[in-house]
């Protein structure tokens, strides 16, 4: 069932002008073979009928330049939905693989909550504080987003002093 649906969609997506041209060429080739056969056997009825078929196919070739391929509205909509699903799929894969986090860090798009936590972590790294705070910060810095926000906040503090 799925293969049949994909086949129908693939055929609908083909250029109809190219299909018309290919079919007209095939008809002309078959008509030429019939003319040759009719001449070989001396059957003038076959030759006359094949000549008319060849002329009709030649007329089709003459009309092809004035034919315009138009994409149906449903196919255009289906194409846009396909593009949207593909973009969403790529975004999902990037996000789940961790590349999304790396991109967010690279462009500086850090969540406010993590930035606030990083600010608090920088405040707790005072020398007069016990070791527990340092361990907590070390644990928090295992998160790549938190680590980037921490480095940014620490750099800002150094600039302020």
N, C-alpha and C. Protein backbone atom coordinates (compact mmCIF):
# COMPACT_ATOMS: atom_id res chain seq x y z
N UNK A 1 0.83 -1.19 0.00
CA UNK A 1 0.00 0.00 0.00
C UNK A 1 0.87 1.26 0.00
N UNK A 2 1.91 1.27 0.86
CA UNK A 2 2.78 2.44 0.94
C UNK A 2 3.54 2.64 -0.37
N UNK A 3 3.97 1.54 -0.97
CA UNK A 3 4.71 1.64 -2.22
C UNK A 3 3.81 2.20 -3.32
N UNK A 4 2.56 1.79 -3.32
CA UNK A 4 1.62 2.31 -4.33
C UNK A 4 1.41 3.81 -4.16
N UNK A 5 1.31 4.27 -2.91
CA UNK A 5 1.14 5.70 -2.66
C UNK A 5 2.37 6.47 -3.12
N UNK A 6 3.56 5.94 -2.80
CA UNK A 6 4.79 6.61 -3.23
C UNK A 6 4.91 6.63 -4.75
N UNK A 7 4.49 5.54 -5.41
CA UNK A 7 4.54 5.50 -6.86
C UNK A 7 3.60 6.54 -7.48
N UNK A 8 2.40 6.66 -6.92
CA UNK A 8 1.44 7.65 -7.43
C UNK A 8 2.00 9.06 -7.23
N UNK A 9 2.59 9.32 -6.08
CA UNK A 9 3.17 10.64 -5.83
C UNK A 9 4.35 10.91 -6.77
N UNK A 10 5.16 9.89 -7.01
CA UNK A 10 6.30 10.07 -7.91
C UNK A 10 5.83 10.35 -9.34
N UNK A 11 4.80 9.63 -9.78
CA UNK A 11 4.28 9.87 -11.12
C UNK A 11 3.62 11.23 -11.24
N UNK A 12 2.96 11.65 -10.17
CA UNK A 12 2.31 12.96 -10.19
C UNK A 12 3.34 14.08 -10.21
N UNK A 13 4.50 13.82 -9.66
CA UNK A 13 5.53 14.85 -9.58
C UNK A 13 6.33 14.97 -10.88
N UNK A 14 6.23 13.98 -11.79
CA UNK A 14 6.97 14.04 -13.05
C UNK A 14 6.42 15.16 -13.93
N UNK A 15 7.28 15.67 -14.79
CA UNK A 15 6.89 16.75 -15.69
C UNK A 15 5.95 16.18 -16.76
N UNK A 16 4.70 16.64 -16.82
CA UNK A 16 3.76 16.09 -17.80
C UNK A 16 4.14 16.42 -19.23
N UNK A 17 4.79 17.53 -19.46
CA UNK A 17 5.20 17.90 -20.82
C UNK A 17 6.25 16.89 -21.32
N UNK A 18 7.16 16.52 -20.46
CA UNK A 18 8.18 15.53 -20.84
C UNK A 18 7.54 14.17 -21.11
N UNK A 19 6.54 13.80 -20.30
CA UNK A 19 5.85 12.52 -20.53
C UNK A 19 5.10 12.54 -21.85
N UNK A 20 4.44 13.66 -22.18
CA UNK A 20 3.73 13.78 -23.45
C UNK A 20 4.71 13.65 -24.61
N UNK A 21 5.84 14.32 -24.51
CA UNK A 21 6.84 14.26 -25.56
C UNK A 21 7.39 12.85 -25.73
N UNK A 22 7.69 12.20 -24.64
CA UNK A 22 8.22 10.83 -24.70
C UNK A 22 7.19 9.88 -25.30
N UNK A 23 5.93 10.03 -24.92
CA UNK A 23 4.88 9.16 -25.47
C UNK A 23 4.67 9.42 -26.96
N UNK A 24 4.71 10.67 -27.36
CA UNK A 24 4.55 10.99 -28.78
C UNK A 24 5.70 10.42 -29.60
N UNK A 25 6.90 10.47 -29.06
CA UNK A 25 8.06 9.88 -29.74
C UNK A 25 7.90 8.37 -29.87
N UNK A 26 7.45 7.72 -28.80
CA UNK A 26 7.23 6.27 -28.84
C UNK A 26 6.17 5.91 -29.88
N UNK A 27 5.10 6.71 -29.96
CA UNK A 27 4.05 6.47 -30.94
C UNK A 27 4.60 6.62 -32.36
N UNK A 28 5.43 7.64 -32.58
CA UNK A 28 6.03 7.83 -33.91
C UNK A 28 6.94 6.67 -34.27
N UNK A 29 7.70 6.17 -33.29
CA UNK A 29 8.58 5.02 -33.56
C UNK A 29 7.77 3.79 -33.94
N UNK A 30 6.69 3.55 -33.19
CA UNK A 30 5.82 2.39 -33.50
C UNK A 30 5.15 2.57 -34.86
N UNK A 31 4.73 3.78 -35.18
CA UNK A 31 4.11 4.03 -36.48
C UNK A 31 5.11 3.80 -37.60
N UNK A 32 6.35 4.21 -37.40
CA UNK A 32 7.40 3.95 -38.40
C UNK A 32 7.62 2.46 -38.62
N UNK A 33 7.62 1.70 -37.53
CA UNK A 33 7.77 0.25 -37.64
C UNK A 33 6.59 -0.35 -38.41
N UNK A 34 5.37 0.14 -38.15
CA UNK A 34 4.20 -0.35 -38.88
C UNK A 34 4.27 0.01 -40.37
N UNK A 35 4.75 1.20 -40.67
CA UNK A 35 4.89 1.60 -42.08
C UNK A 35 5.86 0.67 -42.79
N UNK A 36 7.00 0.40 -42.14
CA UNK A 36 7.98 -0.51 -42.73
C UNK A 36 7.38 -1.91 -42.93
N UNK A 37 6.65 -2.38 -41.93
CA UNK A 37 6.01 -3.70 -42.03
C UNK A 37 4.96 -3.72 -43.14
N UNK A 38 4.15 -2.66 -43.21
CA UNK A 38 3.14 -2.58 -44.26
C UNK A 38 3.74 -2.54 -45.65
N UNK A 39 4.84 -1.81 -45.82
CA UNK A 39 5.52 -1.75 -47.12
C UNK A 39 6.13 -3.11 -47.47
N UNK A 40 6.66 -3.81 -46.45
CA UNK A 40 7.26 -5.12 -46.71
C UNK A 40 6.22 -6.15 -47.09
N UNK A 41 5.04 -6.07 -46.49
CA UNK A 41 3.99 -7.05 -46.78
C UNK A 41 3.07 -6.57 -47.89
N UNK A 42 3.18 -5.33 -48.31
CA UNK A 42 2.33 -4.80 -49.36
C UNK A 42 0.94 -4.43 -48.89
N UNK A 43 0.77 -4.25 -47.60
CA UNK A 43 -0.55 -3.92 -47.03
C UNK A 43 -0.67 -2.40 -46.94
N UNK A 44 -1.35 -1.81 -47.90
CA UNK A 44 -1.47 -0.35 -47.96
C UNK A 44 -2.41 0.22 -46.90
N UNK A 45 -3.32 -0.59 -46.39
CA UNK A 45 -4.21 -0.13 -45.31
C UNK A 45 -3.39 0.13 -44.05
N UNK A 46 -2.48 -0.77 -43.76
CA UNK A 46 -1.60 -0.58 -42.59
C UNK A 46 -0.71 0.62 -42.81
N UNK A 47 -0.16 0.76 -43.99
CA UNK A 47 0.72 1.89 -44.27
C UNK A 47 -0.05 3.20 -44.13
N UNK A 48 -1.27 3.26 -44.68
CA UNK A 48 -2.08 4.48 -44.59
C UNK A 48 -2.43 4.81 -43.13
N UNK A 49 -2.86 3.80 -42.34
CA UNK A 49 -3.20 4.03 -40.93
C UNK A 49 -1.99 4.46 -40.11
N UNK A 50 -0.84 3.82 -40.36
CA UNK A 50 0.37 4.17 -39.63
C UNK A 50 0.86 5.56 -40.01
N UNK A 51 0.65 5.97 -41.26
CA UNK A 51 1.04 7.31 -41.69
C UNK A 51 0.17 8.36 -40.98
N UNK A 52 -1.12 8.08 -40.84
CA UNK A 52 -2.00 9.01 -40.10
C UNK A 52 -1.59 9.10 -38.63
N UNK A 53 -1.24 7.96 -38.04
CA UNK A 53 -0.80 7.96 -36.63
C UNK A 53 0.49 8.76 -36.49
N UNK A 54 1.42 8.57 -37.43
CA UNK A 54 2.69 9.30 -37.40
C UNK A 54 2.45 10.79 -37.54
N UNK A 55 1.53 11.19 -38.40
CA UNK A 55 1.22 12.62 -38.58
C UNK A 55 0.59 13.21 -37.32
N UNK A 56 -0.29 12.42 -36.66
CA UNK A 56 -0.91 12.91 -35.42
C UNK A 56 0.14 13.08 -34.32
N UNK A 57 1.07 12.13 -34.24
CA UNK A 57 2.13 12.24 -33.23
C UNK A 57 3.06 13.41 -33.54
N UNK A 58 3.30 13.65 -34.83
CA UNK A 58 4.12 14.80 -35.22
C UNK A 58 3.43 16.11 -34.84
N UNK A 59 2.09 16.14 -34.98
CA UNK A 59 1.34 17.33 -34.58
C UNK A 59 1.44 17.55 -33.07
N UNK A 60 1.45 16.46 -32.33
CA UNK A 60 1.62 16.59 -30.87
C UNK A 60 2.97 17.23 -30.57
N UNK A 61 4.02 16.76 -31.25
CA UNK A 61 5.34 17.37 -31.05
C UNK A 61 5.33 18.86 -31.40
N UNK A 62 4.55 19.23 -32.42
CA UNK A 62 4.47 20.64 -32.80
C UNK A 62 3.74 21.48 -31.76
N UNK A 63 2.81 20.87 -31.03
CA UNK A 63 2.03 21.61 -30.03
C UNK A 63 2.72 21.67 -28.67
N UNK A 64 3.72 20.85 -28.45
CA UNK A 64 4.36 20.78 -27.12
C UNK A 64 4.94 22.13 -26.66
N UNK A 65 5.56 22.94 -27.52
CA UNK A 65 6.09 24.22 -27.02
C UNK A 65 5.03 25.14 -26.41
N UNK A 66 3.78 24.98 -26.79
CA UNK A 66 2.74 25.85 -26.24
C UNK A 66 2.08 25.25 -25.00
N UNK A 67 2.52 24.06 -24.59
CA UNK A 67 1.97 23.42 -23.39
C UNK A 67 2.78 23.87 -22.19
N UNK A 68 2.09 24.19 -21.10
CA UNK A 68 2.76 24.64 -19.88
C UNK A 68 2.48 23.65 -18.77
N UNK A 69 3.53 23.21 -18.09
CA UNK A 69 3.38 22.30 -16.97
C UNK A 69 2.93 23.09 -15.74
N UNK A 70 1.84 22.66 -15.13
CA UNK A 70 1.30 23.34 -13.95
C UNK A 70 1.26 22.32 -12.81
N UNK A 71 1.84 22.69 -11.68
CA UNK A 71 1.83 21.82 -10.51
C UNK A 71 0.48 21.96 -9.82
N UNK A 72 -0.18 20.84 -9.55
CA UNK A 72 -1.47 20.93 -8.84
C UNK A 72 -1.29 21.53 -7.45
N UNK A 73 -2.33 22.21 -6.98
CA UNK A 73 -2.26 22.87 -5.68
C UNK A 73 -2.01 21.87 -4.56
N UNK A 74 -2.63 20.68 -4.64
CA UNK A 74 -2.44 19.70 -3.58
C UNK A 74 -1.00 19.20 -3.54
N UNK A 75 -0.35 19.10 -4.71
CA UNK A 75 1.03 18.64 -4.74
C UNK A 75 1.97 19.71 -4.20
N UNK A 76 1.67 20.95 -4.51
CA UNK A 76 2.48 22.05 -3.98
C UNK A 76 2.38 22.09 -2.45
N UNK A 77 1.17 21.92 -1.94
CA UNK A 77 0.97 21.89 -0.49
C UNK A 77 1.71 20.72 0.13
N UNK A 78 1.62 19.57 -0.53
CA UNK A 78 2.31 18.38 -0.04
C UNK A 78 3.83 18.58 -0.02
N UNK A 79 4.35 19.26 -1.02
CA UNK A 79 5.79 19.54 -1.06
C UNK A 79 6.19 20.44 0.11
N UNK A 80 5.40 21.47 0.39
CA UNK A 80 5.73 22.37 1.50
C UNK A 80 5.65 21.64 2.85
N UNK A 81 4.66 20.77 2.99
CA UNK A 81 4.57 19.97 4.22
C UNK A 81 5.78 19.06 4.35
N UNK A 82 6.20 18.49 3.24
CA UNK A 82 7.38 17.64 3.27
C UNK A 82 8.63 18.40 3.68
N UNK A 83 8.77 19.61 3.16
CA UNK A 83 9.91 20.44 3.54
C UNK A 83 9.85 20.77 5.02
N UNK A 84 8.67 21.12 5.52
CA UNK A 84 8.52 21.47 6.93
C UNK A 84 8.84 20.27 7.82
N UNK A 85 8.37 19.09 7.45
CA UNK A 85 8.67 17.89 8.24
C UNK A 85 10.16 17.59 8.21
N UNK A 86 10.79 17.76 7.05
CA UNK A 86 12.23 17.52 6.95
C UNK A 86 13.02 18.49 7.82
N UNK A 87 12.64 19.76 7.80
CA UNK A 87 13.33 20.76 8.64
C UNK A 87 13.15 20.43 10.12
N UNK A 88 11.92 20.08 10.50
CA UNK A 88 11.67 19.71 11.90
C UNK A 88 12.47 18.47 12.29
N UNK A 89 12.56 17.51 11.38
CA UNK A 89 13.34 16.30 11.66
C UNK A 89 14.81 16.60 11.84
N UNK A 90 15.36 17.45 10.98
CA UNK A 90 16.77 17.83 11.10
C UNK A 90 17.01 18.57 12.41
N UNK A 91 16.11 19.48 12.76
CA UNK A 91 16.25 20.22 14.02
C UNK A 91 16.20 19.27 15.21
N UNK A 92 15.30 18.29 15.16
CA UNK A 92 15.19 17.32 16.25
C UNK A 92 16.47 16.51 16.37
N UNK A 93 16.99 16.02 15.25
CA UNK A 93 18.21 15.21 15.30
C UNK A 93 19.38 16.04 15.81
N UNK A 94 19.49 17.29 15.34
CA UNK A 94 20.58 18.15 15.82
C UNK A 94 20.47 18.39 17.32
N UNK A 95 19.26 18.63 17.77
CA UNK A 95 19.07 18.92 19.19
C UNK A 95 19.37 17.71 20.06
N UNK A 96 18.87 16.55 19.64
CA UNK A 96 19.05 15.35 20.45
C UNK A 96 20.48 14.83 20.39
N UNK A 97 21.22 15.14 19.35
CA UNK A 97 22.60 14.66 19.25
C UNK A 97 23.58 15.54 20.02
N UNK A 98 23.13 16.68 20.49
CA UNK A 98 24.02 17.57 21.23
C UNK A 98 24.61 18.68 20.38
N UNK A 99 24.47 18.58 19.08
CA UNK A 99 24.99 19.62 18.19
C UNK A 99 24.22 20.92 18.40
N UNK A 100 22.94 20.77 18.72
CA UNK A 100 22.12 21.96 18.97
C UNK A 100 22.66 22.77 20.15
N UNK A 101 23.10 22.08 21.19
CA UNK A 101 23.68 22.77 22.34
C UNK A 101 24.96 23.49 21.94
N UNK A 102 25.78 22.84 21.14
CA UNK A 102 27.03 23.47 20.69
C UNK A 102 26.73 24.72 19.85
N UNK A 103 25.72 24.65 19.01
CA UNK A 103 25.34 25.81 18.19
C UNK A 103 24.84 26.94 19.09
N UNK A 104 24.00 26.59 20.08
CA UNK A 104 23.50 27.63 20.99
C UNK A 104 24.64 28.30 21.75
N UNK A 105 25.61 27.54 22.18
CA UNK A 105 26.76 28.11 22.89
C UNK A 105 27.57 29.00 21.94
N UNK A 106 27.76 28.53 20.71
CA UNK A 106 28.56 29.28 19.72
C UNK A 106 27.93 30.62 19.38
N UNK A 107 26.61 30.68 19.30
CA UNK A 107 25.97 31.95 18.96
C UNK A 107 25.62 32.78 20.20
N UNK A 108 25.87 32.22 21.36
CA UNK A 108 25.64 32.98 22.60
C UNK A 108 24.21 32.97 23.08
N UNK A 109 23.40 32.04 22.62
CA UNK A 109 22.00 31.95 23.03
C UNK A 109 21.91 31.02 24.23
N UNK A 110 21.98 31.60 25.42
CA UNK A 110 21.97 30.83 26.66
C UNK A 110 20.68 31.14 27.44
N UNK A 111 20.07 30.12 28.02
CA UNK A 111 18.85 30.34 28.79
C UNK A 111 19.10 31.23 30.01
N UNK A 112 18.13 32.08 30.33
CA UNK A 112 18.28 33.01 31.45
C UNK A 112 18.50 32.28 32.76
N UNK A 113 17.81 31.15 32.93
CA UNK A 113 17.94 30.40 34.18
C UNK A 113 19.36 29.90 34.38
N UNK A 114 19.96 29.44 33.30
CA UNK A 114 21.34 28.96 33.41
C UNK A 114 22.31 30.12 33.61
N UNK A 115 22.02 31.24 32.99
CA UNK A 115 22.87 32.42 33.19
C UNK A 115 22.77 32.89 34.63
N UNK A 116 21.56 32.90 35.20
CA UNK A 116 21.39 33.31 36.60
C UNK A 116 22.09 32.33 37.53
N UNK A 117 21.99 31.04 37.22
CA UNK A 117 22.68 30.05 38.05
C UNK A 117 24.19 30.23 37.95
N UNK A 118 24.68 30.57 36.75
CA UNK A 118 26.11 30.81 36.59
C UNK A 118 26.55 32.04 37.38
N UNK A 119 25.73 33.08 37.37
CA UNK A 119 26.04 34.28 38.17
C UNK A 119 26.15 33.93 39.65
N UNK A 120 25.20 33.14 40.12
CA UNK A 120 25.22 32.71 41.52
C UNK A 120 26.44 31.86 41.81
N UNK A 121 26.80 30.99 40.88
CA UNK A 121 27.96 30.14 41.08
C UNK A 121 29.24 30.97 41.16
N UNK A 122 29.34 32.03 40.36
CA UNK A 122 30.51 32.90 40.41
C UNK A 122 30.56 33.60 41.77
N UNK A 123 29.41 34.01 42.29
CA UNK A 123 29.37 34.65 43.60
C UNK A 123 29.82 33.71 44.71
N UNK A 124 29.52 32.44 44.58
CA UNK A 124 29.88 31.49 45.65
C UNK A 124 31.33 31.05 45.59
N UNK A 125 32.07 31.41 44.55
CA UNK A 125 33.48 31.01 44.44
C UNK A 125 34.43 31.94 45.19
N UNK A 126 33.94 32.55 46.18
CA UNK A 126 34.78 33.41 47.02
C UNK A 126 35.67 32.52 47.88
N UNK A 127 36.91 32.96 48.12
CA UNK A 127 37.88 32.16 48.89
C UNK A 127 37.43 31.90 50.32
N UNK A 128 36.62 32.76 50.88
CA UNK A 128 36.19 32.57 52.26
C UNK A 128 35.09 31.52 52.39
N UNK A 129 34.60 31.02 51.30
CA UNK A 129 33.53 30.02 51.32
C UNK A 129 34.13 28.62 51.50
N UNK A 130 33.35 27.70 52.06
CA UNK A 130 33.86 26.33 52.27
C UNK A 130 33.98 25.57 50.93
N UNK A 131 34.67 24.42 50.98
CA UNK A 131 34.91 23.62 49.77
C UNK A 131 33.63 23.12 49.11
N UNK A 132 32.57 22.93 49.84
CA UNK A 132 31.32 22.40 49.31
C UNK A 132 30.78 23.21 48.15
N UNK A 133 30.97 24.52 48.23
CA UNK A 133 30.50 25.38 47.14
C UNK A 133 31.29 25.12 45.85
N UNK A 134 32.59 24.92 46.00
CA UNK A 134 33.42 24.66 44.82
C UNK A 134 33.03 23.33 44.18
N UNK A 135 32.74 22.38 44.97
CA UNK A 135 32.32 21.09 44.43
C UNK A 135 30.98 21.22 43.71
N UNK A 136 30.11 22.02 44.30
CA UNK A 136 28.82 22.25 43.67
C UNK A 136 29.00 22.90 42.30
N UNK A 137 29.86 23.89 42.23
CA UNK A 137 30.12 24.58 40.97
C UNK A 137 30.74 23.61 39.96
N UNK A 138 31.65 22.77 40.43
CA UNK A 138 32.25 21.77 39.54
C UNK A 138 31.19 20.84 38.98
N UNK A 139 30.28 20.45 39.82
CA UNK A 139 29.19 19.59 39.37
C UNK A 139 28.31 20.32 38.36
N UNK A 140 27.98 21.56 38.64
CA UNK A 140 27.14 22.33 37.72
C UNK A 140 27.83 22.59 36.39
N UNK A 141 29.16 22.74 36.40
CA UNK A 141 29.89 23.05 35.18
C UNK A 141 29.99 21.85 34.24
N UNK A 142 29.52 20.71 34.67
CA UNK A 142 29.51 19.54 33.79
C UNK A 142 28.52 19.74 32.64
N UNK A 143 27.52 20.60 32.85
CA UNK A 143 26.56 20.93 31.80
C UNK A 143 27.22 21.93 30.85
N UNK A 144 27.30 21.62 29.52
CA UNK A 144 27.99 22.53 28.59
C UNK A 144 27.38 23.93 28.53
N UNK A 145 26.06 24.03 28.60
CA UNK A 145 25.43 25.36 28.57
C UNK A 145 25.78 26.14 29.81
N UNK A 146 25.74 25.47 30.97
CA UNK A 146 26.09 26.13 32.22
C UNK A 146 27.55 26.57 32.20
N UNK A 147 28.42 25.71 31.66
CA UNK A 147 29.85 26.03 31.62
C UNK A 147 30.10 27.28 30.76
N UNK A 148 29.41 27.40 29.63
CA UNK A 148 29.58 28.58 28.78
C UNK A 148 29.08 29.83 29.49
N UNK A 149 27.92 29.72 30.16
CA UNK A 149 27.38 30.87 30.90
C UNK A 149 28.30 31.24 32.06
N UNK A 150 28.89 30.24 32.70
CA UNK A 150 29.81 30.47 33.81
C UNK A 150 31.03 31.25 33.34
N UNK A 151 31.61 30.83 32.22
CA UNK A 151 32.79 31.52 31.69
C UNK A 151 32.45 32.97 31.32
N UNK A 152 31.26 33.17 30.75
CA UNK A 152 30.84 34.52 30.37
C UNK A 152 30.68 35.40 31.61
N UNK A 153 30.03 34.87 32.63
CA UNK A 153 29.80 35.64 33.86
C UNK A 153 31.13 35.93 34.57
N UNK A 154 32.03 34.98 34.57
CA UNK A 154 33.32 35.18 35.21
C UNK A 154 34.12 36.26 34.46
N UNK A 155 34.02 36.25 33.12
CA UNK A 155 34.69 37.28 32.33
C UNK A 155 34.13 38.66 32.60
N UNK A 156 32.81 38.73 32.76
CA UNK A 156 32.18 40.03 33.08
C UNK A 156 32.66 40.54 34.45
N UNK A 157 32.75 39.64 35.40
CA UNK A 157 33.19 40.05 36.76
C UNK A 157 34.61 40.56 36.73
N UNK A 158 35.48 39.93 35.94
CA UNK A 158 36.87 40.37 35.85
C UNK A 158 36.94 41.76 35.22
N UNK A 159 36.05 42.02 34.26
CA UNK A 159 36.04 43.33 33.60
C UNK A 159 35.55 44.42 34.56
N UNK A 160 34.64 44.05 35.49
CA UNK A 160 34.09 45.02 36.42
C UNK A 160 35.10 45.42 37.50
N UNK A 161 36.04 44.57 37.81
CA UNK A 161 37.00 44.88 38.88
C UNK A 161 38.28 45.45 38.37
